[in-house]
Amino acid sequence: MKQEIKHIKSILKRYAQLKRDIKAFSQVSSPVLSGMPGHSYGNGTEKSMVNHVDLACQIKQVEDALKAVEDPRYNFILSEYIINKRYSVNECCQLWQCSRSKFNYMKNNALEEFDNGYLW
């Protein structure tokens, strides 16, 4: 169980990085596709497009799993505490007037709910 939670947390932390990557990729001008042979041995345009689609699919998987989490507190924990890191444990405990152990319990439940909606 502990390993699963670590793995899920790493997916959610990577999600924020994927969002930045896809935004940066989208800001790069679109390459011109040409039928003329070039001097390179690889197709960089094709690789870029495949990478973009791969990033978009990974982001969609996480977003779909986040939407599947019904409890608003769990959704808050996943998005604001784990992904965006806008709140600390203490701030969350103050917000919900709960102990650290209760918060960790809710966090683990939120991660389990996310796991149930995430397509592996």
C-alpha atoms as a PDB file:
ATOM      1  CA  MET A   1       0.000   0.000   0.000  1.00  0.00           C
ATOM      2  CA  LYS A   2       2.771   2.455   0.897  1.00  0.00           C
ATOM      3  CA  GLN A   3       4.520   1.863  -2.453  1.00  0.00           C
ATOM      4  CA  GLU A   4       1.254   2.430  -4.330  1.00  0.00           C
ATOM      5  CA  ILE A   5       0.747   5.742  -2.552  1.00  0.00           C
ATOM      6  CA  LYS A   6       4.290   6.855  -3.412  1.00  0.00           C
ATOM      7  CA  HIS A   7       3.704   5.901  -7.051  1.00  0.00           C
ATOM      8  CA  ILE A   8       0.399   7.787  -7.223  1.00  0.00           C
ATOM      9  CA  LYS A   9       1.989  10.875  -5.623  1.00  0.00           C
ATOM     10  CA  SER A  10       4.780  10.770  -8.200  1.00  0.00           C
ATOM     11  CA  ILE A  11       2.176  10.654 -11.012  1.00  0.00           C
ATOM     12  CA  LEU A  12       0.414  13.693  -9.585  1.00  0.00           C
ATOM     13  CA  LYS A  13       3.668  15.610  -9.113  1.00  0.00           C
ATOM     14  CA  ARG A  14       4.682  14.792 -12.673  1.00  0.00           C
ATOM     15  CA  TYR A  15       1.310  16.068 -13.875  1.00  0.00           C
ATOM     16  CA  ALA A  16       2.263  19.668 -13.052  1.00  0.00           C
ATOM     17  CA  GLN A  17       5.493  19.253 -15.032  1.00  0.00           C
ATOM     18  CA  LEU A  18       3.580  17.751 -17.978  1.00  0.00           C
ATOM     19  CA  LYS A  19       1.249  20.759 -18.025  1.00  0.00           C
ATOM     20  CA  ARG A  20       4.261  23.093 -18.236  1.00  0.00           C
ATOM     21  CA  ASP A  21       5.860  20.940 -20.942  1.00  0.00           C
ATOM     22  CA  ILE A  22       2.776  20.857 -23.138  1.00  0.00           C
ATOM     23  CA  LYS A  23       2.290  24.611 -22.723  1.00  0.00           C
ATOM     24  CA  ALA A  24       5.889  25.213 -23.785  1.00  0.00           C
ATOM     25  CA  PHE A  25       5.492  22.815 -26.698  1.00  0.00           C
ATOM     26  CA  SER A  26       2.326  24.596 -27.848  1.00  0.00           C
ATOM     27  CA  GLN A  27       4.121  27.955 -27.871  1.00  0.00           C
ATOM     28  CA  VAL A  28       6.710  26.689 -30.338  1.00  0.00           C
ATOM     29  CA  SER A  29       5.715  27.504 -33.907  1.00  0.00           C
ATOM     30  CA  SER A  30       4.317  24.659 -35.932  1.00  0.00           C
ATOM     31  CA  PRO A  31       6.842  23.046 -38.243  1.00  0.00           C
ATOM     32  CA  VAL A  32       6.235  22.921 -41.985  1.00  0.00           C
ATOM     33  CA  LEU A  33       5.637  19.393 -43.212  1.00  0.00           C
ATOM     34  CA  SER A  34       7.324  18.769 -46.523  1.00  0.00           C
ATOM     35  CA  GLY A  35       7.574  15.820 -48.841  1.00  0.00           C
ATOM     36  CA  MET A  36      11.096  16.806 -49.803  1.00  0.00           C
ATOM     37  CA  PRO A  37      13.859  14.720 -48.324  1.00  0.00           C
ATOM     38  CA  GLY A  38      16.053  16.543 -45.848  1.00  0.00           C
ATOM     39  CA  HIS A  39      19.604  16.122 -44.724  1.00  0.00           C
ATOM     40  CA  SER A  40      18.747  14.535 -41.398  1.00  0.00           C
ATOM     41  CA  TYR A  41      18.352  10.850 -40.782  1.00  0.00           C
ATOM     42  CA  GLY A  42      15.378  11.248 -38.452  1.00  0.00           C
ATOM     43  CA  ASN A  43      12.057  12.939 -38.672  1.00  0.00           C
ATOM     44  CA  GLY A  44      12.129  15.552 -35.913  1.00  0.00           C
ATOM     45  CA  THR A  45       8.699  16.868 -36.822  1.00  0.00           C
ATOM     46  CA  GLU A  46       7.135  13.457 -36.438  1.00  0.00           C
ATOM     47  CA  LYS A  47       8.889  12.882 -33.109  1.00  0.00           C
ATOM     48  CA  SER A  48       7.691  16.265 -31.844  1.00  0.00           C
ATOM     49  CA  MET A  49       4.118  15.513 -32.821  1.00  0.00           C
ATOM     50  CA  VAL A  50       4.228  12.088 -31.181  1.00  0.00           C
ATOM     51  CA  ASN A  51       5.685  13.622 -27.996  1.00  0.00           C
ATOM     52  CA  HIS A  52       2.930  16.246 -27.966  1.00  0.00           C
ATOM     53  CA  VAL A  53       0.217  13.611 -28.333  1.00  0.00           C
ATOM     54  CA  ASP A  54       1.846  11.477 -25.636  1.00  0.00           C
ATOM     55  CA  LEU A  55       1.954  14.418 -23.208  1.00  0.00           C
ATOM     56  CA  ALA A  56      -1.657  15.287 -23.985  1.00  0.00           C
ATOM     57  CA  CYS A  57      -2.755  11.687 -23.345  1.00  0.00           C
ATOM     58  CA  GLN A  58      -0.918  11.524 -20.030  1.00  0.00           C
ATOM     59  CA  ILE A  59      -2.477  14.819 -18.939  1.00  0.00           C
ATOM     60  CA  LYS A  60      -5.955  13.644 -19.949  1.00  0.00           C
ATOM     61  CA  GLN A  61      -5.540  10.437 -17.939  1.00  0.00           C
ATOM     62  CA  VAL A  62      -4.722  12.402 -14.793  1.00  0.00           C
ATOM     63  CA  GLU A  63      -7.496  14.941 -15.379  1.00  0.00           C
ATOM     64  CA  ASP A  64     -10.076  12.186 -15.911  1.00  0.00           C
ATOM     65  CA  ALA A  65      -8.986  10.481 -12.693  1.00  0.00           C
ATOM     66  CA  LEU A  66      -9.173  13.809 -10.826  1.00  0.00           C
ATOM     67  CA  LYS A  67     -12.722  14.349 -12.121  1.00  0.00           C
ATOM     68  CA  ALA A  68     -13.668  10.901 -10.824  1.00  0.00           C
ATOM     69  CA  VAL A  69     -12.824  11.980  -7.250  1.00  0.00           C
ATOM     70  CA  GLU A  70     -16.182  13.060  -5.874  1.00  0.00           C
ATOM     71  CA  ASP A  71     -15.319  14.370  -2.393  1.00  0.00           C
ATOM     72  CA  PRO A  72     -14.394  18.080  -2.723  1.00  0.00           C
ATOM     73  CA  ARG A  73     -11.931  17.818   0.184  1.00  0.00           C
ATOM     74  CA  TYR A  74     -10.118  14.973  -1.548  1.00  0.00           C
ATOM     75  CA  ASN A  75     -10.074  16.917  -4.798  1.00  0.00           C
ATOM     76  CA  PHE A  76      -8.639  19.910  -2.946  1.00  0.00           C
ATOM     77  CA  ILE A  77      -5.927  17.753  -1.368  1.00  0.00           C
ATOM     78  CA  LEU A  78      -4.957  16.290  -4.736  1.00  0.00           C
ATOM     79  CA  SER A  79      -4.940  19.527  -6.692  1.00  0.00           C
ATOM     80  CA  GLU A  80      -3.936  22.201  -4.194  1.00  0.00           C
ATOM     81  CA  TYR A  81      -1.744  20.260  -1.764  1.00  0.00           C
ATOM     82  CA  ILE A  82      -0.055  17.617  -3.931  1.00  0.00           C
ATOM     83  CA  ILE A  83      -0.084  18.991  -7.487  1.00  0.00           C
ATOM     84  CA  ASN A  84       0.101  22.779  -7.065  1.00  0.00           C
ATOM     85  CA  LYS A  85       1.685  22.820  -3.584  1.00  0.00           C
ATOM     86  CA  ARG A  86      -0.257  25.930  -2.588  1.00  0.00           C
ATOM     87  CA  TYR A  87      -0.977  24.760   0.955  1.00  0.00           C
ATOM     88  CA  SER A  88       1.062  23.101   3.680  1.00  0.00           C
ATOM     89  CA  VAL A  89      -0.136  20.307   5.948  1.00  0.00           C
ATOM     90  CA  ASN A  90      -0.615  22.812   8.764  1.00  0.00           C
ATOM     91  CA  GLU A  91      -2.680  25.132   6.569  1.00  0.00           C
ATOM     92  CA  CYS A  92      -4.905  22.257   5.464  1.00  0.00           C
ATOM     93  CA  CYS A  93      -5.341  21.142   9.074  1.00  0.00           C
ATOM     94  CA  GLN A  94      -6.354  24.660  10.044  1.00  0.00           C
ATOM     95  CA  LEU A  95      -8.721  24.916   7.090  1.00  0.00           C
ATOM     96  CA  TRP A  96     -10.603  21.751   8.068  1.00  0.00           C
ATOM     97  CA  GLN A  97      -9.905  21.982  11.795  1.00  0.00           C
ATOM     98  CA  CYS A  98      -8.400  18.528  11.955  1.00  0.00           C
ATOM     99  CA  SER A  99      -5.249  16.876  13.281  1.00  0.00           C
ATOM    100  CA  ARG A 100      -2.255  15.935  11.157  1.00  0.00           C
ATOM    101  CA  SER A 101      -3.145  12.252  11.466  1.00  0.00           C
ATOM    102  CA  LYS A 102      -6.707  12.968  10.257  1.00  0.00           C
ATOM    103  CA  PHE A 103      -5.282  14.969   7.342  1.00  0.00           C
ATOM    104  CA  ASN A 104      -2.918  12.110   6.423  1.00  0.00           C
ATOM    105  CA  TYR A 105      -5.872   9.723   6.591  1.00  0.00           C
ATOM    106  CA  MET A 106      -7.852  11.972   4.207  1.00  0.00           C
ATOM    107  CA  LYS A 107      -4.812  12.357   1.935  1.00  0.00           C
ATOM    108  CA  ASN A 108      -4.403   8.579   1.678  1.00  0.00           C
ATOM    109  CA  ASN A 109      -8.113   8.181   0.935  1.00  0.00           C
ATOM    110  CA  ALA A 110      -7.854  10.877  -1.737  1.00  0.00           C
ATOM    111  CA  LEU A 111      -4.905   9.062  -3.323  1.00  0.00           C
ATOM    112  CA  GLU A 112      -6.822   5.767  -3.258  1.00  0.00           C
ATOM    113  CA  GLU A 113      -9.838   7.383  -4.907  1.00  0.00           C
ATOM    114  CA  PHE A 114      -7.569   8.871  -7.561  1.00  0.00           C
ATOM    115  CA  ASP A 115      -6.002   5.454  -8.086  1.00  0.00           C
ATOM    116  CA  ASN A 116      -9.452   3.914  -8.631  1.00  0.00           C
ATOM    117  CA  GLY A 117     -10.131   6.382 -11.455  1.00  0.00           C
ATOM    118  CA  TYR A 118      -6.662   6.285 -13.039  1.00  0.00           C
ATOM    119  CA  LEU A 119      -6.285   4.034 -16.066  1.00  0.00           C
ATOM    120  CA  TRP A 120      -2.990   2.171 -15.797  1.00  0.00           C
END
